[in-house]
Amino acid sequence: MSQLLERKSVLKVKEYLEYIDKSIKLIVLEECARTAVDAANSLKKDVGSIVKSLVFKSTESNNYYLCLVSGDKYADINKISKRINTKIKKANADQCKAFTGYSIGGVSPVAHNNKPTEILIDENLNRFDIVYAAAGHPYVVFGINYKKLCGITEGIISDITDINT
């Protein structure tokens, strides 16, 4: 498992985080965290404290948007489209990898190959002082203060989730 920390995608996140704050450490999980529930179980944390990094693509242009969503919520495409004033669809695995540099399940909220047009942060994440996000691989995450996550991503706190979740 320790070789995971030497993977190119993980090193990219690690170097970015070290530049921002040397106190942020990567956590190698014993179990895969491809889903928020998996990550929460492995970390023994509330599923809501897990950050899902979801990539959406405009249907009208080549713009990509990153939405950081609480693990116990579902992104609402209609709310997101209205917020950014363009129609979107969820990026497929190839688009996600090409744009961010990360495979689905390991998409970090930071250190992407390309800068998203906009980053939206689910307001529900503010229930937690510390949230956990992928660090370039489904077995590697990092914990970060919610406010610090908002700051380093320059994301906009928004109501972007389905009201029924």
N, C-alpha and C. Protein backbone atom coordinates (compact mmCIF):
# COMPACT_ATOMS: atom_id res chain seq x y z
N MET A 1 0.81 -1.21 0.00
CA MET A 1 0.00 0.00 0.00
C MET A 1 0.85 1.27 0.00
N SER A 2 2.03 1.23 0.63
CA SER A 2 2.83 2.45 0.72
C SER A 2 3.27 2.94 -0.66
N GLN A 3 3.34 2.03 -1.66
CA GLN A 3 3.71 2.47 -3.00
C GLN A 3 2.64 3.38 -3.62
N LEU A 4 1.46 3.37 -3.05
CA LEU A 4 0.41 4.27 -3.53
C LEU A 4 0.84 5.73 -3.40
N LEU A 5 1.59 6.03 -2.35
CA LEU A 5 2.04 7.41 -2.13
C LEU A 5 3.07 7.85 -3.16
N GLU A 6 3.58 6.92 -3.95
CA GLU A 6 4.56 7.24 -4.98
C GLU A 6 3.92 7.37 -6.37
N ARG A 7 2.64 7.13 -6.47
CA ARG A 7 1.96 7.27 -7.77
C ARG A 7 1.95 8.73 -8.20
N LYS A 8 2.09 8.93 -9.49
CA LYS A 8 2.17 10.28 -10.04
C LYS A 8 0.97 11.14 -9.62
N SER A 9 -0.24 10.59 -9.73
CA SER A 9 -1.44 11.36 -9.41
C SER A 9 -1.49 11.74 -7.93
N VAL A 10 -1.04 10.84 -7.07
CA VAL A 10 -1.03 11.10 -5.62
C VAL A 10 0.06 12.12 -5.28
N LEU A 11 1.22 11.97 -5.90
CA LEU A 11 2.31 12.92 -5.66
C LEU A 11 1.93 14.34 -6.06
N LYS A 12 1.16 14.45 -7.13
CA LYS A 12 0.71 15.78 -7.58
C LYS A 12 -0.14 16.45 -6.51
N VAL A 13 -1.05 15.69 -5.91
CA VAL A 13 -1.89 16.24 -4.84
C VAL A 13 -1.05 16.54 -3.61
N LYS A 14 -0.18 15.60 -3.25
CA LYS A 14 0.67 15.77 -2.07
C LYS A 14 1.52 17.03 -2.18
N GLU A 15 2.15 17.23 -3.32
CA GLU A 15 3.00 18.41 -3.51
C GLU A 15 2.18 19.69 -3.44
N TYR A 16 0.99 19.68 -4.02
CA TYR A 16 0.13 20.86 -3.97
C TYR A 16 -0.25 21.18 -2.52
N LEU A 17 -0.67 20.15 -1.78
CA LEU A 17 -1.09 20.37 -0.40
C LEU A 17 0.07 20.82 0.48
N GLU A 18 1.26 20.24 0.26
CA GLU A 18 2.43 20.65 1.04
C GLU A 18 2.77 22.11 0.79
N TYR A 19 2.58 22.57 -0.42
CA TYR A 19 2.82 23.97 -0.75
C TYR A 19 1.84 24.87 0.00
N ILE A 20 0.59 24.42 0.12
CA ILE A 20 -0.47 25.20 0.79
C ILE A 20 -0.32 25.15 2.31
N ASP A 21 -0.11 23.93 2.83
CA ASP A 21 -0.09 23.72 4.28
C ASP A 21 0.58 22.39 4.60
N LYS A 22 1.77 22.45 5.11
CA LYS A 22 2.54 21.23 5.39
C LYS A 22 1.89 20.32 6.43
N SER A 23 0.91 20.84 7.16
CA SER A 23 0.27 20.02 8.19
C SER A 23 -0.78 19.07 7.60
N ILE A 24 -1.18 19.27 6.35
CA ILE A 24 -2.18 18.38 5.73
C ILE A 24 -1.46 17.11 5.29
N LYS A 25 -1.91 15.99 5.81
CA LYS A 25 -1.26 14.70 5.52
C LYS A 25 -2.19 13.79 4.74
N LEU A 26 -1.60 13.00 3.86
CA LEU A 26 -2.36 12.01 3.13
C LEU A 26 -2.62 10.80 4.01
N ILE A 27 -3.75 10.18 3.79
CA ILE A 27 -4.15 8.99 4.55
C ILE A 27 -4.33 7.85 3.56
N VAL A 28 -3.58 6.77 3.74
CA VAL A 28 -3.75 5.59 2.90
C VAL A 28 -4.78 4.69 3.57
N LEU A 29 -5.82 4.38 2.83
CA LEU A 29 -6.91 3.55 3.36
C LEU A 29 -6.61 2.07 3.17
N GLU A 30 -7.14 1.26 4.06
CA GLU A 30 -6.99 -0.18 3.93
C GLU A 30 -7.98 -0.76 2.94
N GLU A 31 -9.07 -0.03 2.72
CA GLU A 31 -10.09 -0.48 1.78
C GLU A 31 -10.31 0.61 0.74
N CYS A 32 -10.70 0.19 -0.44
CA CYS A 32 -10.96 1.12 -1.54
C CYS A 32 -12.07 2.10 -1.16
N ALA A 33 -11.90 3.33 -1.61
CA ALA A 33 -12.91 4.36 -1.31
C ALA A 33 -13.47 4.95 -2.60
N ARG A 34 -13.93 4.09 -3.49
CA ARG A 34 -14.51 4.57 -4.76
C ARG A 34 -15.83 5.29 -4.51
N THR A 35 -16.47 5.00 -3.39
CA THR A 35 -17.72 5.68 -3.05
C THR A 35 -17.54 6.39 -1.71
N ALA A 36 -18.42 7.34 -1.45
CA ALA A 36 -18.38 8.06 -0.18
C ALA A 36 -18.63 7.11 0.99
N VAL A 37 -19.53 6.16 0.80
CA VAL A 37 -19.82 5.20 1.87
C VAL A 37 -18.58 4.36 2.17
N ASP A 38 -17.87 3.92 1.13
CA ASP A 38 -16.63 3.15 1.33
C ASP A 38 -15.62 3.97 2.12
N ALA A 39 -15.45 5.22 1.72
CA ALA A 39 -14.48 6.09 2.40
C ALA A 39 -14.86 6.31 3.86
N ALA A 40 -16.12 6.58 4.10
CA ALA A 40 -16.59 6.82 5.47
C ALA A 40 -16.38 5.58 6.33
N ASN A 41 -16.69 4.42 5.79
CA ASN A 41 -16.49 3.18 6.54
C ASN A 41 -15.02 2.95 6.85
N SER A 42 -14.17 3.18 5.89
CA SER A 42 -12.74 2.97 6.08
C SER A 42 -12.15 3.95 7.10
N LEU A 43 -12.63 5.19 7.06
CA LEU A 43 -12.13 6.23 7.98
C LEU A 43 -12.85 6.22 9.33
N LYS A 44 -13.98 5.50 9.39
CA LYS A 44 -14.84 5.51 10.57
C LYS A 44 -15.32 6.94 10.87
N LYS A 45 -15.79 7.58 9.80
CA LYS A 45 -16.32 8.95 9.87
C LYS A 45 -17.71 8.98 9.28
N ASP A 46 -18.44 10.04 9.54
CA ASP A 46 -19.78 10.24 8.99
C ASP A 46 -19.68 10.38 7.47
N VAL A 47 -20.56 9.72 6.73
CA VAL A 47 -20.52 9.77 5.27
C VAL A 47 -20.68 11.20 4.76
N GLY A 48 -21.36 12.03 5.50
CA GLY A 48 -21.52 13.43 5.09
C GLY A 48 -20.23 14.22 5.09
N SER A 49 -19.22 13.75 5.83
CA SER A 49 -17.93 14.45 5.88
C SER A 49 -17.02 14.09 4.71
N ILE A 50 -17.47 13.18 3.86
CA ILE A 50 -16.70 12.79 2.69
C ILE A 50 -17.04 13.73 1.53
N VAL A 51 -16.02 14.25 0.89
CA VAL A 51 -16.21 15.16 -0.24
C VAL A 51 -16.23 14.35 -1.54
N LYS A 52 -17.34 14.42 -2.25
CA LYS A 52 -17.40 13.82 -3.58
C LYS A 52 -17.02 14.92 -4.57
N SER A 53 -15.96 14.68 -5.34
CA SER A 53 -15.52 15.63 -6.37
C SER A 53 -16.13 15.19 -7.69
N LEU A 54 -17.17 15.89 -8.12
CA LEU A 54 -17.92 15.51 -9.31
C LEU A 54 -17.64 16.50 -10.43
N VAL A 55 -17.34 15.96 -11.60
CA VAL A 55 -17.00 16.80 -12.75
C VAL A 55 -18.17 16.82 -13.73
N PHE A 56 -18.56 18.02 -14.12
CA PHE A 56 -19.63 18.22 -15.08
C PHE A 56 -19.11 19.00 -16.27
N LYS A 57 -19.69 18.74 -17.43
CA LYS A 57 -19.28 19.41 -18.67
C LYS A 57 -20.48 20.14 -19.24
N SER A 58 -20.24 21.34 -19.73
CA SER A 58 -21.29 22.09 -20.40
C SER A 58 -21.70 21.35 -21.67
N THR A 59 -22.99 21.34 -21.96
CA THR A 59 -23.47 20.74 -23.20
C THR A 59 -23.36 21.74 -24.35
N GLU A 60 -23.04 22.99 -24.04
CA GLU A 60 -23.01 24.06 -25.03
C GLU A 60 -21.60 24.54 -25.36
N SER A 61 -20.62 24.12 -24.55
CA SER A 61 -19.23 24.56 -24.77
C SER A 61 -18.29 23.49 -24.23
N ASN A 62 -17.03 23.80 -24.23
CA ASN A 62 -16.05 22.84 -23.70
C ASN A 62 -15.66 23.20 -22.27
N ASN A 63 -16.55 23.84 -21.54
CA ASN A 63 -16.27 24.23 -20.16
C ASN A 63 -16.60 23.09 -19.20
N TYR A 64 -15.72 22.93 -18.20
CA TYR A 64 -15.90 21.92 -17.17
C TYR A 64 -16.10 22.60 -15.83
N TYR A 65 -16.92 21.96 -14.99
CA TYR A 65 -17.24 22.49 -13.67
C TYR A 65 -17.01 21.39 -12.65
N LEU A 66 -16.43 21.77 -11.51
CA LEU A 66 -16.20 20.82 -10.43
C LEU A 66 -17.17 21.14 -9.30
N CYS A 67 -17.88 20.13 -8.85
CA CYS A 67 -18.79 20.30 -7.72
C CYS A 67 -18.31 19.41 -6.58
N LEU A 68 -18.10 20.02 -5.43
CA LEU A 68 -17.68 19.30 -4.23
C LEU A 68 -18.91 19.09 -3.38
N VAL A 69 -19.34 17.84 -3.30
CA VAL A 69 -20.64 17.51 -2.71
C VAL A 69 -20.46 16.61 -1.49
N SER A 70 -21.24 16.89 -0.46
CA SER A 70 -21.24 16.07 0.75
C SER A 70 -21.61 14.63 0.39
N GLY A 71 -20.91 13.68 1.00
CA GLY A 71 -21.08 12.27 0.69
C GLY A 71 -22.47 11.72 0.91
N ASP A 72 -23.27 12.37 1.73
CA ASP A 72 -24.62 11.88 1.97
C ASP A 72 -25.68 12.62 1.15
N LYS A 73 -25.23 13.38 0.16
CA LYS A 73 -26.14 14.16 -0.68
C LYS A 73 -25.93 13.78 -2.15
N TYR A 74 -26.90 14.15 -2.98
CA TYR A 74 -26.82 13.95 -4.41
C TYR A 74 -26.81 15.30 -5.10
N ALA A 75 -25.90 15.47 -6.06
CA ALA A 75 -25.86 16.71 -6.83
C ALA A 75 -27.15 16.85 -7.63
N ASP A 76 -27.66 18.05 -7.72
CA ASP A 76 -28.86 18.36 -8.49
C ASP A 76 -28.43 19.10 -9.76
N ILE A 77 -28.45 18.40 -10.88
CA ILE A 77 -27.98 18.98 -12.15
C ILE A 77 -28.77 20.24 -12.50
N ASN A 78 -30.05 20.26 -12.22
CA ASN A 78 -30.85 21.45 -12.54
C ASN A 78 -30.40 22.66 -11.71
N LYS A 79 -30.15 22.46 -10.43
CA LYS A 79 -29.68 23.57 -9.58
C LYS A 79 -28.31 24.06 -10.04
N ILE A 80 -27.44 23.11 -10.38
CA ILE A 80 -26.09 23.49 -10.82
C ILE A 80 -26.18 24.26 -12.14
N SER A 81 -26.97 23.75 -13.09
CA SER A 81 -27.13 24.42 -14.39
C SER A 81 -27.66 25.84 -14.21
N LYS A 82 -28.63 25.99 -13.34
CA LYS A 82 -29.20 27.31 -13.08
C LYS A 82 -28.15 28.23 -12.45
N ARG A 83 -27.38 27.69 -11.51
CA ARG A 83 -26.36 28.48 -10.80
C ARG A 83 -25.27 29.00 -11.75
N ILE A 84 -24.87 28.15 -12.72
CA ILE A 84 -23.78 28.53 -13.64
C ILE A 84 -24.30 29.05 -14.98
N ASN A 85 -25.62 29.04 -15.13
CA ASN A 85 -26.29 29.59 -16.31
C ASN A 85 -25.89 28.87 -17.61
N THR A 86 -25.76 27.55 -17.53
CA THR A 86 -25.52 26.74 -18.72
C THR A 86 -25.97 25.31 -18.44
N LYS A 87 -26.38 24.62 -19.47
CA LYS A 87 -26.77 23.22 -19.32
C LYS A 87 -25.52 22.37 -19.21
N ILE A 88 -25.61 21.38 -18.33
CA ILE A 88 -24.46 20.51 -18.09
C ILE A 88 -24.88 19.05 -18.11
N LYS A 89 -23.88 18.20 -18.21
CA LYS A 89 -24.07 16.77 -18.01
C LYS A 89 -22.83 16.28 -17.26
N LYS A 90 -23.00 15.15 -16.59
CA LYS A 90 -21.88 14.59 -15.85
C LYS A 90 -20.81 14.15 -16.85
N ALA A 91 -19.57 14.51 -16.60
CA ALA A 91 -18.47 14.10 -17.47
C ALA A 91 -18.30 12.59 -17.39
N ASN A 92 -18.01 11.96 -18.52
CA ASN A 92 -17.77 10.51 -18.48
C ASN A 92 -16.35 10.25 -17.97
N ALA A 93 -16.02 9.00 -17.78
CA ALA A 93 -14.73 8.63 -17.18
C ALA A 93 -13.55 9.16 -17.99
N ASP A 94 -13.62 9.06 -19.31
CA ASP A 94 -12.52 9.54 -20.15
C ASP A 94 -12.38 11.06 -20.08
N GLN A 95 -13.50 11.76 -20.12
CA GLN A 95 -13.47 13.22 -20.02
C GLN A 95 -12.92 13.66 -18.67
N CYS A 96 -13.36 12.99 -17.62
CA CYS A 96 -12.92 13.31 -16.26
C CYS A 96 -11.40 13.14 -16.14
N LYS A 97 -10.89 12.02 -16.61
CA LYS A 97 -9.46 11.72 -16.53
C LYS A 97 -8.65 12.72 -17.36
N ALA A 98 -9.12 13.01 -18.58
CA ALA A 98 -8.40 13.94 -19.46
C ALA A 98 -8.38 15.35 -18.88
N PHE A 99 -9.50 15.77 -18.30
CA PHE A 99 -9.58 17.15 -17.80
C PHE A 99 -8.86 17.32 -16.47
N THR A 100 -9.13 16.42 -15.52
CA THR A 100 -8.56 16.60 -14.17
C THR A 100 -7.20 15.93 -14.00
N GLY A 101 -6.98 14.84 -14.73
CA GLY A 101 -5.78 14.04 -14.51
C GLY A 101 -6.02 12.89 -13.56
N TYR A 102 -7.25 12.77 -13.07
CA TYR A 102 -7.60 11.73 -12.10
C TYR A 102 -8.74 10.87 -12.61
N SER A 103 -8.69 9.61 -12.21
CA SER A 103 -9.79 8.69 -12.55
C SER A 103 -10.92 8.89 -11.55
N ILE A 104 -12.14 8.60 -11.99
CA ILE A 104 -13.29 8.68 -11.09
C ILE A 104 -13.02 7.79 -9.87
N GLY A 105 -13.31 8.30 -8.70
CA GLY A 105 -13.03 7.60 -7.45
C GLY A 105 -11.79 8.15 -6.78
N GLY A 106 -10.95 8.84 -7.56
CA GLY A 106 -9.73 9.42 -7.02
C GLY A 106 -9.60 10.90 -7.34
N VAL A 107 -10.69 11.52 -7.82
CA VAL A 107 -10.63 12.93 -8.22
C VAL A 107 -10.46 13.81 -6.98
N SER A 108 -9.36 14.52 -6.97
CA SER A 108 -9.06 15.45 -5.89
C SER A 108 -9.77 16.78 -6.14
N PRO A 109 -10.05 17.52 -5.08
CA PRO A 109 -10.63 18.85 -5.29
C PRO A 109 -9.60 19.89 -5.74
N VAL A 110 -8.32 19.49 -5.76
CA VAL A 110 -7.23 20.42 -6.12
C VAL A 110 -6.25 19.74 -7.07
N ALA A 111 -5.34 20.55 -7.63
CA ALA A 111 -4.21 20.08 -8.43
C ALA A 111 -4.65 19.35 -9.71
N HIS A 112 -5.54 19.97 -10.45
CA HIS A 112 -6.03 19.38 -11.70
C HIS A 112 -5.12 19.72 -12.87
N ASN A 113 -5.21 18.91 -13.91
CA ASN A 113 -4.48 19.20 -15.16
C ASN A 113 -4.96 20.52 -15.76
N ASN A 114 -6.25 20.77 -15.65
CA ASN A 114 -6.87 21.98 -16.20
C ASN A 114 -7.72 22.63 -15.12
N LYS A 115 -7.78 23.94 -15.15
CA LYS A 115 -8.57 24.66 -14.15
C LYS A 115 -10.05 24.62 -14.53
N PRO A 116 -10.90 24.15 -13.61
CA PRO A 116 -12.34 24.17 -13.91
C PRO A 116 -12.83 25.60 -14.13
N THR A 117 -13.84 25.74 -14.96
CA THR A 117 -14.43 27.06 -15.20
C THR A 117 -14.94 27.64 -13.89
N GLU A 118 -15.50 26.78 -13.07
CA GLU A 118 -16.00 27.20 -11.76
C GLU A 118 -16.02 25.99 -10.84
N ILE A 119 -15.80 26.25 -9.56
CA ILE A 119 -15.90 25.21 -8.54
C ILE A 119 -17.02 25.61 -7.59
N LEU A 120 -17.97 24.70 -7.43
CA LEU A 120 -19.08 24.93 -6.51
C LEU A 120 -18.95 23.97 -5.34
N ILE A 121 -19.16 24.48 -4.15
CA ILE A 121 -19.02 23.69 -2.93
C ILE A 121 -20.39 23.56 -2.26
N ASP A 122 -20.79 22.35 -2.05
CA ASP A 122 -22.06 22.05 -1.38
C ASP A 122 -22.07 22.67 0.01
N GLU A 123 -23.07 23.49 0.26
CA GLU A 123 -23.18 24.15 1.56
C GLU A 123 -23.36 23.16 2.71
N ASN A 124 -23.78 21.93 2.41
CA ASN A 124 -23.96 20.92 3.45
C ASN A 124 -22.65 20.45 4.08
N LEU A 125 -21.55 20.65 3.39
CA LEU A 125 -20.25 20.25 3.96
C LEU A 125 -19.88 21.07 5.19
N ASN A 126 -20.50 22.23 5.35
CA ASN A 126 -20.16 23.09 6.49
C ASN A 126 -20.62 22.52 7.82
N ARG A 127 -21.29 21.37 7.80
CA ARG A 127 -21.68 20.71 9.05
C ARG A 127 -20.47 20.10 9.76
N PHE A 128 -19.36 20.01 9.05
CA PHE A 128 -18.18 19.31 9.57
C PHE A 128 -16.98 20.24 9.61
N ASP A 129 -16.25 20.20 10.73
CA ASP A 129 -15.02 20.99 10.82
C ASP A 129 -13.97 20.42 9.87
N ILE A 130 -13.87 19.09 9.85
CA ILE A 130 -12.91 18.41 8.98
C ILE A 130 -13.68 17.57 7.98
N VAL A 131 -13.29 17.72 6.71
CA VAL A 131 -13.87 16.91 5.63
C VAL A 131 -12.75 16.12 4.98
N TYR A 132 -13.12 15.05 4.28
CA TYR A 132 -12.14 14.14 3.70
C TYR A 132 -12.36 14.03 2.20
N ALA A 133 -11.28 14.23 1.45
CA ALA A 133 -11.38 14.23 0.00
C ALA A 133 -10.35 13.30 -0.61
N ALA A 134 -10.63 12.84 -1.82
CA ALA A 134 -9.70 11.97 -2.54
C ALA A 134 -8.41 12.73 -2.84
N ALA A 135 -7.34 11.96 -2.88
CA ALA A 135 -6.01 12.55 -3.12
C ALA A 135 -5.35 11.89 -4.33
N GLY A 136 -6.11 11.72 -5.41
CA GLY A 136 -5.54 11.22 -6.65
C GLY A 136 -5.65 9.73 -6.86
N HIS A 137 -6.19 9.02 -5.88
CA HIS A 137 -6.34 7.56 -5.98
C HIS A 137 -7.44 7.12 -5.02
N PRO A 138 -8.21 6.08 -5.38
CA PRO A 138 -9.31 5.65 -4.50
C PRO A 138 -8.89 5.12 -3.13
N TYR A 139 -7.61 4.84 -2.93
CA TYR A 139 -7.13 4.38 -1.64
C TYR A 139 -6.44 5.48 -0.83
N VAL A 140 -6.41 6.70 -1.37
CA VAL A 140 -5.68 7.78 -0.69
C VAL A 140 -6.59 9.00 -0.56
N VAL A 141 -6.69 9.53 0.66
CA VAL A 141 -7.51 10.71 0.93
C VAL A 141 -6.71 11.68 1.81
N PHE A 142 -7.27 12.84 2.02
CA PHE A 142 -6.70 13.78 2.99
C PHE A 142 -7.84 14.44 3.75
N GLY A 143 -7.56 14.77 5.00
CA GLY A 143 -8.50 15.50 5.82
C GLY A 143 -8.12 16.97 5.81
N ILE A 144 -9.14 17.82 5.76
CA ILE A 144 -8.87 19.25 5.70
C ILE A 144 -10.02 20.00 6.37
N ASN A 145 -9.69 21.10 6.99
CA ASN A 145 -10.70 21.97 7.57
C ASN A 145 -11.61 22.48 6.45
N TYR A 146 -12.90 22.47 6.69
CA TYR A 146 -13.87 22.89 5.68
C TYR A 146 -13.57 24.28 5.13
N LYS A 147 -13.29 25.23 6.00
CA LYS A 147 -13.02 26.60 5.55
C LYS A 147 -11.75 26.67 4.71
N LYS A 148 -10.76 25.87 5.08
CA LYS A 148 -9.52 25.84 4.31
C LYS A 148 -9.78 25.25 2.92
N LEU A 149 -10.61 24.21 2.85
CA LEU A 149 -10.97 23.63 1.55
C LEU A 149 -11.61 24.70 0.66
N CYS A 150 -12.53 25.45 1.24
CA CYS A 150 -13.18 26.53 0.48
C CYS A 150 -12.14 27.53 -0.03
N GLY A 151 -11.19 27.84 0.82
CA GLY A 151 -10.17 28.82 0.44
C GLY A 151 -9.22 28.32 -0.63
N ILE A 152 -8.71 27.11 -0.48
CA ILE A 152 -7.70 26.65 -1.45
C ILE A 152 -8.31 26.31 -2.81
N THR A 153 -9.58 25.98 -2.84
CA THR A 153 -10.22 25.69 -4.12
C THR A 153 -10.79 26.94 -4.78
N GLU A 154 -10.93 28.00 -3.99
CA GLU A 154 -11.58 29.22 -4.44
C GLU A 154 -12.99 28.91 -4.94
N GLY A 155 -13.60 27.90 -4.29
CA GLY A 155 -14.94 27.49 -4.67
C GLY A 155 -16.00 28.40 -4.10
N ILE A 156 -17.16 28.34 -4.71
CA ILE A 156 -18.30 29.15 -4.29
C ILE A 156 -19.28 28.24 -3.55
N ILE A 157 -19.55 28.56 -2.30
CA ILE A 157 -20.48 27.79 -1.49
C ILE A 157 -21.88 27.98 -2.06
N SER A 158 -22.53 26.87 -2.38
CA SER A 158 -23.80 26.94 -3.08
C SER A 158 -24.77 25.84 -2.65
N ASP A 159 -26.04 26.08 -2.93
CA ASP A 159 -27.08 25.07 -2.75
C ASP A 159 -27.14 24.29 -4.05
N ILE A 160 -26.46 23.13 -4.11
CA ILE A 160 -26.36 22.37 -5.36
C ILE A 160 -26.82 20.92 -5.22
N THR A 161 -27.51 20.63 -4.11
CA THR A 161 -27.91 19.24 -3.91
C THR A 161 -29.42 19.07 -4.00
N ASP A 162 -29.79 17.83 -4.24
CA ASP A 162 -31.19 17.43 -4.32
C ASP A 162 -31.82 17.63 -2.95
N ILE A 163 -32.94 18.30 -2.90
CA ILE A 163 -33.62 18.60 -1.64
C ILE A 163 -34.09 17.33 -0.92
N ASN A 164 -34.24 16.25 -1.66
CA ASN A 164 -34.73 14.98 -1.07
C ASN A 164 -33.64 14.12 -0.47
N THR A 165 -32.40 14.60 -0.43
CA THR A 165 -31.32 13.80 0.16
C THR A 165 -30.81 14.40 1.43
